[in-house]
Amino acid sequence: MGVIKYDHEVPTDIAPERLFKAFVLDGDNLLPKVVPAAFKSIQVVEGDGKAGTVKLIHFGEGSSYKTAKHVIDELDEANKVFKYSVVEGDALVGIEKVTTTVKIEAHGSGSIVKSTSEYHTTGTHEITEEKIKEGKEKSKSLFKAVEAFLHAHPHEY
């Protein structure tokens, strides 16, 4: 088993508190509304939304995957940190789990979204640079979709 790690940053002009509230705290509701091709639904299967909570994600028609289960490892509202691990799902071929930490920091008049993903591979499975680039692009487009929604709805969150 190996671990492939990559970091990614996305700047935005949305304030950190507002972005964290929309993207993390209300993401279960917002993401299927903002990017329905990517997310059909996100449901809490077990827990209260804090660390240890298990969520089942049903991907939308635009995704090549059907479902994923993730566990919240850390939710720190004060420091705008959200850490979760994808532990089940059809995307985990050759991968034991994927752990992602998202930290939203103040940056100028907006924020910078910093994420670190760790792919825990099984056997000799390798993650290609192409897959990493694809993951970064999907992540960026997701943040940009939330950003566009927040611009279009300035009084929400």
C-alpha atoms as a PDB file:
ATOM      1  CA  MET A   1       0.000   0.000   0.000  1.00  0.00           C
ATOM      2  CA  GLY A   2       1.205   3.480  -0.843  1.00  0.00           C
ATOM      3  CA  VAL A   3       0.025   7.006  -0.167  1.00  0.00           C
ATOM      4  CA  ILE A   4      -0.149   9.604  -2.914  1.00  0.00           C
ATOM      5  CA  LYS A   5      -0.668  13.120  -1.618  1.00  0.00           C
ATOM      6  CA  TYR A   6      -1.422  16.333  -3.431  1.00  0.00           C
ATOM      7  CA  ASP A   7      -2.269  19.879  -2.424  1.00  0.00           C
ATOM      8  CA  HIS A   8      -4.564  22.253  -4.235  1.00  0.00           C
ATOM      9  CA  GLU A   9      -5.549  25.898  -3.710  1.00  0.00           C
ATOM     10  CA  VAL A  10      -8.470  27.847  -5.137  1.00  0.00           C
ATOM     11  CA  PRO A  11      -8.832  31.598  -4.494  1.00  0.00           C
ATOM     12  CA  THR A  12     -12.264  33.185  -4.249  1.00  0.00           C
ATOM     13  CA  ASP A  13     -13.718  36.561  -3.382  1.00  0.00           C
ATOM     14  CA  ILE A  14     -16.262  34.973  -0.991  1.00  0.00           C
ATOM     15  CA  ALA A  15     -15.650  35.555   2.737  1.00  0.00           C
ATOM     16  CA  PRO A  16     -14.399  32.456   4.605  1.00  0.00           C
ATOM     17  CA  GLU A  17     -17.344  32.286   7.029  1.00  0.00           C
ATOM     18  CA  ARG A  18     -19.914  32.399   4.251  1.00  0.00           C
ATOM     19  CA  LEU A  19     -18.096  29.893   2.060  1.00  0.00           C
ATOM     20  CA  PHE A  20     -17.589  27.444   4.945  1.00  0.00           C
ATOM     21  CA  LYS A  21     -21.232  27.687   5.931  1.00  0.00           C
ATOM     22  CA  ALA A  22     -22.448  27.089   2.362  1.00  0.00           C
ATOM     23  CA  PHE A  23     -19.898  24.552   1.126  1.00  0.00           C
ATOM     24  CA  VAL A  24     -19.265  22.542   4.294  1.00  0.00           C
ATOM     25  CA  LEU A  25     -22.064  23.057   6.803  1.00  0.00           C
ATOM     26  CA  ASP A  26     -24.899  23.051   4.237  1.00  0.00           C
ATOM     27  CA  GLY A  27     -23.125  21.181   1.437  1.00  0.00           C
ATOM     28  CA  ASP A  28     -25.509  18.220   1.709  1.00  0.00           C
ATOM     29  CA  ASN A  29     -28.322  20.501   0.509  1.00  0.00           C
ATOM     30  CA  LEU A  30     -26.421  22.999  -1.618  1.00  0.00           C
ATOM     31  CA  LEU A  31     -24.228  20.749  -3.773  1.00  0.00           C
ATOM     32  CA  PRO A  32     -27.080  18.707  -5.342  1.00  0.00           C
ATOM     33  CA  LYS A  33     -28.850  22.004  -6.079  1.00  0.00           C
ATOM     34  CA  VAL A  34     -25.800  23.777  -7.543  1.00  0.00           C
ATOM     35  CA  VAL A  35     -24.178  20.850  -9.388  1.00  0.00           C
ATOM     36  CA  PRO A  36     -26.943  18.273  -9.979  1.00  0.00           C
ATOM     37  CA  ALA A  37     -24.941  16.571 -12.742  1.00  0.00           C
ATOM     38  CA  ALA A  38     -22.297  15.755 -10.132  1.00  0.00           C
ATOM     39  CA  PHE A  39     -24.452  15.121  -7.043  1.00  0.00           C
ATOM     40  CA  LYS A  40     -27.913  13.597  -6.971  1.00  0.00           C
ATOM     41  CA  SER A  41     -28.133  13.507  -3.175  1.00  0.00           C
ATOM     42  CA  ILE A  42     -26.045  13.487  -0.002  1.00  0.00           C
ATOM     43  CA  GLN A  43     -27.571  11.772   3.006  1.00  0.00           C
ATOM     44  CA  VAL A  44     -26.441  11.355   6.599  1.00  0.00           C
ATOM     45  CA  VAL A  45     -26.561   7.621   7.333  1.00  0.00           C
ATOM     46  CA  GLU A  46     -25.199   7.816  10.859  1.00  0.00           C
ATOM     47  CA  GLY A  47     -24.213  10.604  13.221  1.00  0.00           C
ATOM     48  CA  ASP A  48     -24.996  14.219  13.991  1.00  0.00           C
ATOM     49  CA  GLY A  49     -22.960  15.997  11.306  1.00  0.00           C
ATOM     50  CA  LYS A  50     -19.825  16.228  13.412  1.00  0.00           C
ATOM     51  CA  ALA A  51     -16.726  13.979  13.488  1.00  0.00           C
ATOM     52  CA  GLY A  52     -17.693  10.328  13.033  1.00  0.00           C
ATOM     53  CA  THR A  53     -20.725  11.094  10.870  1.00  0.00           C
ATOM     54  CA  VAL A  54     -21.173   8.770   7.888  1.00  0.00           C
ATOM     55  CA  LYS A  55     -22.672  10.137   4.662  1.00  0.00           C
ATOM     56  CA  LEU A  56     -23.856   8.379   1.523  1.00  0.00           C
ATOM     57  CA  ILE A  57     -23.367  10.281  -1.719  1.00  0.00           C
ATOM     58  CA  HIS A  58     -25.391   9.425  -4.803  1.00  0.00           C
ATOM     59  CA  PHE A  59     -23.667  10.926  -7.812  1.00  0.00           C
ATOM     60  CA  GLY A  60     -25.560  12.637 -10.613  1.00  0.00           C
ATOM     61  CA  GLU A  61     -26.023  11.614 -14.223  1.00  0.00           C
ATOM     62  CA  GLY A  62     -22.879  13.497 -15.233  1.00  0.00           C
ATOM     63  CA  SER A  63     -20.646  11.342 -13.067  1.00  0.00           C
ATOM     64  CA  SER A  64     -19.038   8.083 -14.056  1.00  0.00           C
ATOM     65  CA  TYR A  65     -19.610   6.818 -10.494  1.00  0.00           C
ATOM     66  CA  LYS A  66     -22.795   5.812  -8.692  1.00  0.00           C
ATOM     67  CA  THR A  67     -22.168   6.099  -4.943  1.00  0.00           C
ATOM     68  CA  ALA A  68     -19.587   6.814  -2.283  1.00  0.00           C
ATOM     69  CA  LYS A  69     -19.621   6.653   1.475  1.00  0.00           C
ATOM     70  CA  HIS A  70     -17.587   9.113   3.454  1.00  0.00           C
ATOM     71  CA  VAL A  71     -16.828   9.630   7.112  1.00  0.00           C
ATOM     72  CA  ILE A  72     -16.233  13.032   8.667  1.00  0.00           C
ATOM     73  CA  ASP A  73     -12.883  12.879  10.453  1.00  0.00           C
ATOM     74  CA  GLU A  74     -12.828  16.484  11.667  1.00  0.00           C
ATOM     75  CA  LEU A  75     -15.143  19.486  11.588  1.00  0.00           C
ATOM     76  CA  ASP A  76     -13.637  22.619  13.119  1.00  0.00           C
ATOM     77  CA  GLU A  77     -15.959  25.559  12.504  1.00  0.00           C
ATOM     78  CA  ALA A  78     -13.763  28.068  14.347  1.00  0.00           C
ATOM     79  CA  ASN A  79     -10.737  27.366  12.143  1.00  0.00           C
ATOM     80  CA  LYS A  80     -12.770  26.529   8.985  1.00  0.00           C
ATOM     81  CA  VAL A  81     -11.320  23.015   8.668  1.00  0.00           C
ATOM     82  CA  PHE A  82     -13.195  20.017   7.280  1.00  0.00           C
ATOM     83  CA  LYS A  83     -11.551  16.605   6.970  1.00  0.00           C
ATOM     84  CA  TYR A  84     -13.267  13.532   5.584  1.00  0.00           C
ATOM     85  CA  SER A  85     -12.407  10.106   4.209  1.00  0.00           C
ATOM     86  CA  VAL A  86     -14.101   8.339   1.317  1.00  0.00           C
ATOM     87  CA  VAL A  87     -14.172   4.738   2.537  1.00  0.00           C
ATOM     88  CA  GLU A  88     -16.558   2.962   0.142  1.00  0.00           C
ATOM     89  CA  GLY A  89     -17.777   3.353  -3.408  1.00  0.00           C
ATOM     90  CA  ASP A  90     -17.202   2.418  -6.999  1.00  0.00           C
ATOM     91  CA  ALA A  91     -14.559   5.137  -7.414  1.00  0.00           C
ATOM     92  CA  LEU A  92     -12.214   3.306  -5.028  1.00  0.00           C
ATOM     93  CA  VAL A  93     -10.810   0.792  -7.498  1.00  0.00           C
ATOM     94  CA  GLY A  94      -7.303  -0.012  -6.274  1.00  0.00           C
ATOM     95  CA  ILE A  95      -7.726   2.521  -3.481  1.00  0.00           C
ATOM     96  CA  GLU A  96      -8.409   1.723   0.176  1.00  0.00           C
ATOM     97  CA  LYS A  97      -9.561   5.267   1.005  1.00  0.00           C
ATOM     98  CA  VAL A  98      -9.146   8.901   0.057  1.00  0.00           C
ATOM     99  CA  THR A  99      -8.741  11.416   2.875  1.00  0.00           C
ATOM    100  CA  THR A 100      -9.235  15.091   2.097  1.00  0.00           C
ATOM    101  CA  THR A 101      -8.654  18.071   4.359  1.00  0.00           C
ATOM    102  CA  VAL A 102     -10.208  21.383   3.338  1.00  0.00           C
ATOM    103  CA  LYS A 103      -9.192  24.600   5.069  1.00  0.00           C
ATOM    104  CA  ILE A 104     -10.753  27.931   4.156  1.00  0.00           C
ATOM    105  CA  GLU A 105      -8.587  30.900   5.082  1.00  0.00           C
ATOM    106  CA  ALA A 106      -9.072  34.638   4.790  1.00  0.00           C
ATOM    107  CA  HIS A 107      -7.185  36.024   1.814  1.00  0.00           C
ATOM    108  CA  GLY A 108      -7.483  39.710   0.952  1.00  0.00           C
ATOM    109  CA  SER A 109     -11.195  40.541   0.854  1.00  0.00           C
ATOM    110  CA  GLY A 110     -12.093  36.911   0.127  1.00  0.00           C
ATOM    111  CA  SER A 111     -10.725  33.458   0.865  1.00  0.00           C
ATOM    112  CA  ILE A 112      -8.382  30.819  -0.311  1.00  0.00           C
ATOM    113  CA  VAL A 113      -9.569  27.220  -0.226  1.00  0.00           C
ATOM    114  CA  LYS A 114      -6.655  24.923   0.571  1.00  0.00           C
ATOM    115  CA  SER A 115      -7.167  21.203   0.181  1.00  0.00           C
ATOM    116  CA  THR A 116      -4.919  18.236   0.683  1.00  0.00           C
ATOM    117  CA  SER A 117      -5.922  14.820  -0.623  1.00  0.00           C
ATOM    118  CA  GLU A 118      -4.258  11.561   0.321  1.00  0.00           C
ATOM    119  CA  TYR A 119      -4.943   8.479  -1.783  1.00  0.00           C
ATOM    120  CA  HIS A 120      -4.220   5.282   0.151  1.00  0.00           C
ATOM    121  CA  THR A 121      -3.680   2.761  -2.630  1.00  0.00           C
ATOM    122  CA  THR A 122      -3.819  -1.021  -2.410  1.00  0.00           C
ATOM    123  CA  GLY A 123      -1.183  -3.359  -3.794  1.00  0.00           C
ATOM    124  CA  THR A 124       0.765  -1.845  -6.658  1.00  0.00           C
ATOM    125  CA  HIS A 125      -2.030   0.483  -7.812  1.00  0.00           C
ATOM    126  CA  GLU A 126      -0.743   3.889  -8.889  1.00  0.00           C
ATOM    127  CA  ILE A 127      -2.475   7.222  -9.319  1.00  0.00           C
ATOM    128  CA  THR A 128      -1.348   8.918 -12.540  1.00  0.00           C
ATOM    129  CA  GLU A 129      -0.547  12.603 -12.903  1.00  0.00           C
ATOM    130  CA  GLU A 130      -3.512  12.759 -15.299  1.00  0.00           C
ATOM    131  CA  LYS A 131      -5.885  11.492 -12.566  1.00  0.00           C
ATOM    132  CA  ILE A 132      -4.464  14.019 -10.095  1.00  0.00           C
ATOM    133  CA  LYS A 133      -4.944  16.835 -12.596  1.00  0.00           C
ATOM    134  CA  GLU A 134      -8.491  15.628 -13.287  1.00  0.00           C
ATOM    135  CA  GLY A 135      -9.233  15.607  -9.541  1.00  0.00           C
ATOM    136  CA  LYS A 136      -7.909  19.144  -9.136  1.00  0.00           C
ATOM    137  CA  GLU A 137     -10.036  20.377 -12.046  1.00  0.00           C
ATOM    138  CA  LYS A 138     -13.183  18.750 -10.631  1.00  0.00           C
ATOM    139  CA  SER A 139     -12.457  20.249  -7.226  1.00  0.00           C
ATOM    140  CA  LYS A 140     -11.916  23.701  -8.704  1.00  0.00           C
ATOM    141  CA  SER A 141     -15.111  23.534 -10.767  1.00  0.00           C
ATOM    142  CA  LEU A 142     -17.064  22.496  -7.680  1.00  0.00           C
ATOM    143  CA  PHE A 143     -15.781  25.476  -5.673  1.00  0.00           C
ATOM    144  CA  LYS A 144     -16.422  27.806  -8.599  1.00  0.00           C
ATOM    145  CA  ALA A 145     -20.029  26.539  -8.907  1.00  0.00           C
ATOM    146  CA  VAL A 146     -20.619  27.262  -5.225  1.00  0.00           C
ATOM    147  CA  GLU A 147     -18.955  30.657  -5.663  1.00  0.00           C
ATOM    148  CA  ALA A 148     -21.244  31.479  -8.618  1.00  0.00           C
ATOM    149  CA  PHE A 149     -24.300  30.454  -6.581  1.00  0.00           C
ATOM    150  CA  LEU A 150     -23.237  32.694  -3.696  1.00  0.00           C
ATOM    151  CA  HIS A 151     -22.712  35.627  -6.068  1.00  0.00           C
ATOM    152  CA  ALA A 152     -26.161  35.081  -7.574  1.00  0.00           C
ATOM    153  CA  HIS A 153     -27.743  34.808  -4.096  1.00  0.00           C
ATOM    154  CA  PRO A 154     -25.951  37.430  -1.997  1.00  0.00           C
ATOM    155  CA  HIS A 155     -28.391  37.183   0.918  1.00  0.00           C
ATOM    156  CA  GLU A 156     -28.079  33.432   1.405  1.00  0.00           C
ATOM    157  CA  TYR A 157     -25.612  32.126   3.951  1.00  0.00           C
END
